[in-house]
Protein backbone atom coordinates (compact mmCIF):
# COMPACT_ATOMS: atom_id res chain seq x y z
CA UNK A 1 17.76 -0.64 19.00
CA UNK A 2 16.07 2.32 17.30
CA UNK A 3 12.27 2.20 17.25
CA UNK A 4 10.41 2.87 14.04
CA UNK A 5 7.74 5.56 13.80
CA UNK A 6 4.08 4.54 13.94
CA UNK A 7 2.00 6.11 11.17
CA UNK A 8 -1.42 6.89 12.65
CA UNK A 9 -2.95 8.61 9.62
CA UNK A 10 -2.14 9.04 5.94
CA UNK A 11 -4.67 10.95 3.85
CA UNK A 12 -4.90 12.50 0.45
CA UNK A 13 -5.52 16.23 0.68
CA UNK A 14 -6.41 19.03 -1.68
CA UNK A 15 -5.37 22.63 -1.08
CA UNK A 16 -6.48 25.67 -3.01
CA UNK A 17 -3.61 28.00 -3.88
CA UNK A 18 -4.21 31.01 -6.09
CA UNK A 19 -7.37 29.53 -7.55
CA UNK A 20 -5.68 26.21 -8.37
CA UNK A 21 -6.15 22.84 -6.66
CA UNK A 22 -2.99 21.18 -5.40
CA UNK A 23 -3.09 17.54 -4.35
CA UNK A 24 -0.75 15.91 -1.88
CA UNK A 25 -0.51 13.61 1.13
CA UNK A 26 -0.77 14.43 4.84
CA UNK A 27 0.94 11.98 7.22
CA UNK A 28 0.64 11.94 11.02
CA UNK A 29 2.29 9.67 13.55
CA UNK A 30 4.28 9.06 16.70
CA UNK A 31 7.81 8.03 17.61
CA UNK A 32 9.02 6.58 20.90
CA UNK A 33 12.79 6.44 21.27
CA UNK A 34 15.64 7.94 23.29
CA UNK A 35 14.70 11.01 25.29
CA UNK A 36 15.63 14.52 24.13
CA UNK A 37 17.00 13.50 20.73
CA UNK A 38 16.23 14.61 17.20
CA UNK A 39 15.60 12.03 14.49
CA UNK A 40 15.38 12.48 10.75
CA UNK A 41 12.26 10.53 9.74
CA UNK A 42 12.01 9.59 6.06
CA UNK A 43 8.66 8.81 4.46
CA UNK A 44 7.96 6.44 1.58
CA UNK A 45 4.99 5.27 -0.45
CA UNK A 46 4.58 1.71 -1.75
CA UNK A 47 1.98 0.05 -3.97
CA UNK A 48 1.45 -2.62 -1.31
CA UNK A 49 2.89 -4.01 1.89
CA UNK A 50 5.65 -6.54 1.30
CA UNK A 51 4.40 -10.07 1.03
CA UNK A 52 7.13 -12.65 0.27
CA UNK A 53 5.57 -15.52 -1.70
CA UNK A 54 7.21 -18.61 -0.19
CA UNK A 55 8.36 -19.81 3.25
CA UNK A 56 10.76 -19.56 5.00
CA UNK A 57 10.44 -15.83 4.27
CA UNK A 58 8.55 -13.86 6.87
CA UNK A 59 5.59 -11.74 5.88
CA UNK A 60 6.08 -8.54 7.82
CA UNK A 61 3.28 -6.44 6.38
CA UNK A 62 5.65 -3.48 6.15
CA UNK A 63 5.96 -1.43 2.99
CA UNK A 64 8.92 -1.74 0.67
CA UNK A 65 9.94 1.95 0.56
CA UNK A 66 9.36 2.31 -3.19
CA UNK A 67 8.81 6.07 -3.57
CA UNK A 68 10.60 8.63 -1.41
CA UNK A 69 8.08 11.24 -0.23
CA UNK A 70 10.35 13.44 1.88
CA UNK A 71 11.73 13.76 5.39
CA UNK A 72 11.18 15.66 8.63
CA UNK A 73 13.17 16.27 11.80
CA UNK A 74 11.30 14.91 14.82
CA UNK A 75 12.42 15.66 18.41
CA UNK A 76 11.50 13.50 21.38
CA UNK A 77 10.62 14.93 24.78
CA UNK A 78 12.08 13.93 28.15
CA UNK A 79 10.00 10.72 28.08
CA UNK A 80 11.25 9.79 24.60
CA UNK A 81 7.89 10.53 22.93
CA UNK A 82 7.17 12.65 19.87
CA UNK A 83 4.26 13.30 17.54
CA UNK A 84 4.66 14.55 13.99
CA UNK A 85 2.74 15.85 11.01
CA UNK A 86 4.32 15.73 7.57
CA UNK A 87 2.83 17.23 4.44
CA UNK A 88 4.10 16.48 0.96
CA UNK A 89 3.08 17.67 -2.49
CA UNK A 90 3.50 14.12 -3.73
CA UNK A 91 0.21 12.28 -4.15
CA UNK A 92 0.16 8.69 -2.93
CA UNK A 93 -2.78 6.91 -4.62
CA UNK A 94 -5.56 5.48 -2.45
CA UNK A 95 -4.93 1.89 -1.47
CA UNK A 96 -1.16 2.26 -1.27
CA UNK A 97 0.78 2.19 2.00
CA UNK A 98 2.94 4.84 3.63
CA UNK A 99 5.97 4.00 5.76
CA UNK A 100 8.31 5.98 7.98
CA UNK A 101 11.93 5.26 8.80
CA UNK A 102 14.14 7.11 11.30
CA UNK A 103 17.75 7.83 10.42
CA UNK A 104 20.22 8.59 13.17
CA UNK A 105 23.84 9.13 12.15
CA UNK A 106 24.80 6.00 10.20
CA UNK A 107 22.14 3.75 11.68
CA UNK A 108 18.87 3.26 9.88
CA UNK A 109 15.88 1.05 10.64
CA UNK A 110 13.72 0.29 7.60
CA UNK A 111 11.21 -1.96 9.35
CA UNK A 112 8.78 0.93 9.29
CA UNK A 113 5.08 0.60 10.07
CA UNK A 114 2.53 1.17 7.37
CA UNK A 115 -1.01 2.40 7.09
CA UNK A 116 -3.28 2.07 4.09
CA UNK A 117 -4.34 5.47 2.82
CA UNK A 118 -7.95 6.44 3.43
């Protein structure tokens, strides 16, 4: 089973480029999986964590992968651990959640963790 990445920080950021302000989102996190492998981690923004209204549905608290923010290759070390930083020009509004999902070959795990933006 492929582990999902853990988002440890998701913050709005402003950069000055050529006298202009550019807004975006900076995402940091970790991944623990198979040792010495490279994973393509996709990032998404969602207005809120999923919250199915009626039983027997399970409330997972994970985001629903509404807006694709981009992707990054993340390589694990010999212990299967990796840290990552991903920067995107796309602005995710405060109060929304950010999720990450690894993709390896044809297998994809979308039960990604979320963190409310600060």
